Amino acid sequence: MRLTNEEFIRLLETAGGDAFLDYPGIEKGQIRALDTLAAFYVQEGHRERANKERRKECFQKATLLYTTADKIQMYDQDH
């Protein structure tokens, strides 16, 4: 089964904030979800050529997600 873009976004947004939060390695899991969603928005922004406003919106979302992930664990060398 392949997820639609909307399902993919909803899944990663949930994993980044509203998911079960009491397990070992939660920070790495949240960072991975946020980074994956940010990378998705970067790709969408690169694909969007006609609608400049949509392109800008995608890059703004990606920036916010990357910044949020950085704040979770600032000194992680893998991030």
Protein backbone atom coordinates (compact mmCIF):
# COMPACT_ATOMS: atom_id res chain seq x y z
CA MET A 1 0.00 0.00 0.00
CA ARG A 2 1.39 3.38 -1.00
CA LEU A 3 0.57 6.48 1.03
CA THR A 4 -0.77 9.61 -0.58
CA ASN A 5 1.14 12.83 0.06
CA GLU A 6 -1.53 13.93 2.53
CA GLU A 7 -1.30 10.65 4.48
CA PHE A 8 2.51 10.85 4.47
CA ILE A 9 2.43 14.41 5.83
CA ARG A 10 -0.16 13.54 8.49
CA LEU A 11 1.85 10.49 9.60
CA LEU A 12 5.08 12.46 10.00
CA GLU A 13 3.38 15.42 11.67
CA THR A 14 1.88 13.03 14.23
CA ALA A 15 5.23 11.31 14.76
CA GLY A 16 6.87 14.67 15.35
CA GLY A 17 4.55 15.74 18.13
CA ASP A 18 1.46 13.75 19.10
CA ALA A 19 2.83 10.20 19.04
CA PHE A 20 3.57 7.97 22.03
CA LEU A 21 6.28 9.89 23.84
CA ASP A 22 7.64 7.45 26.42
CA TYR A 23 10.25 5.22 24.81
CA PRO A 24 14.05 5.09 24.65
CA GLY A 25 15.46 7.18 21.84
CA ILE A 26 12.39 9.40 21.50
CA GLU A 27 14.49 12.43 20.58
CA LYS A 28 16.13 10.65 17.66
CA GLY A 29 12.72 9.42 16.48
CA GLN A 30 11.23 12.89 16.58
CA ILE A 31 14.25 14.38 14.83
CA ARG A 32 14.06 11.75 12.09
CA ALA A 33 10.34 12.44 11.56
CA LEU A 34 10.87 16.21 11.43
CA ASP A 35 13.86 15.92 9.09
CA THR A 36 11.99 13.55 6.77
CA LEU A 37 9.01 15.88 6.55
CA ALA A 38 11.31 18.87 5.99
CA ALA A 39 13.09 17.02 3.16
CA PHE A 40 9.69 16.28 1.62
CA TYR A 41 8.82 19.99 1.64
CA VAL A 42 12.20 20.86 0.10
CA GLN A 43 11.49 18.43 -2.74
CA GLU A 44 8.01 19.86 -3.19
CA GLY A 45 9.46 23.36 -3.30
CA HIS A 46 11.94 22.37 -5.98
CA ARG A 47 9.17 20.76 -8.05
CA GLU A 48 6.91 23.80 -7.78
CA ARG A 49 7.84 26.08 -10.66
CA ALA A 50 4.61 27.81 -11.63
CA ASN A 51 3.30 28.93 -8.24
CA LYS A 52 5.96 31.07 -6.54
CA GLU A 53 3.85 31.50 -3.39
CA ARG A 54 3.45 27.71 -2.97
CA ARG A 55 7.20 27.28 -3.55
CA LYS A 56 8.00 29.86 -0.86
CA GLU A 57 5.53 28.21 1.53
CA CYS A 58 7.19 24.81 1.06
CA PHE A 59 10.64 26.20 1.82
CA GLN A 60 9.34 28.08 4.87
CA LYS A 61 7.79 24.88 6.24
CA ALA A 62 11.04 23.00 5.65
CA THR A 63 13.05 25.69 7.44
CA LEU A 64 10.71 25.63 10.43
CA LEU A 65 10.88 21.84 10.66
CA TYR A 66 14.69 21.74 10.44
CA THR A 67 14.92 24.47 13.09
CA THR A 68 12.53 22.59 15.37
CA ALA A 69 14.59 19.41 14.99
CA ASP A 70 17.77 21.35 15.79
CA LYS A 71 16.20 22.64 19.00
CA ILE A 72 15.37 19.12 20.17
CA GLN A 73 18.99 18.05 20.22
CA MET A 74 21.35 20.83 19.25
CA TYR A 75 24.61 19.04 19.74
CA ASP A 76 23.85 15.77 17.93
CA GLN A 77 26.64 15.20 15.41
CA ASP A 78 24.35 13.07 13.21
CA HIS A 79 21.88 15.89 12.71
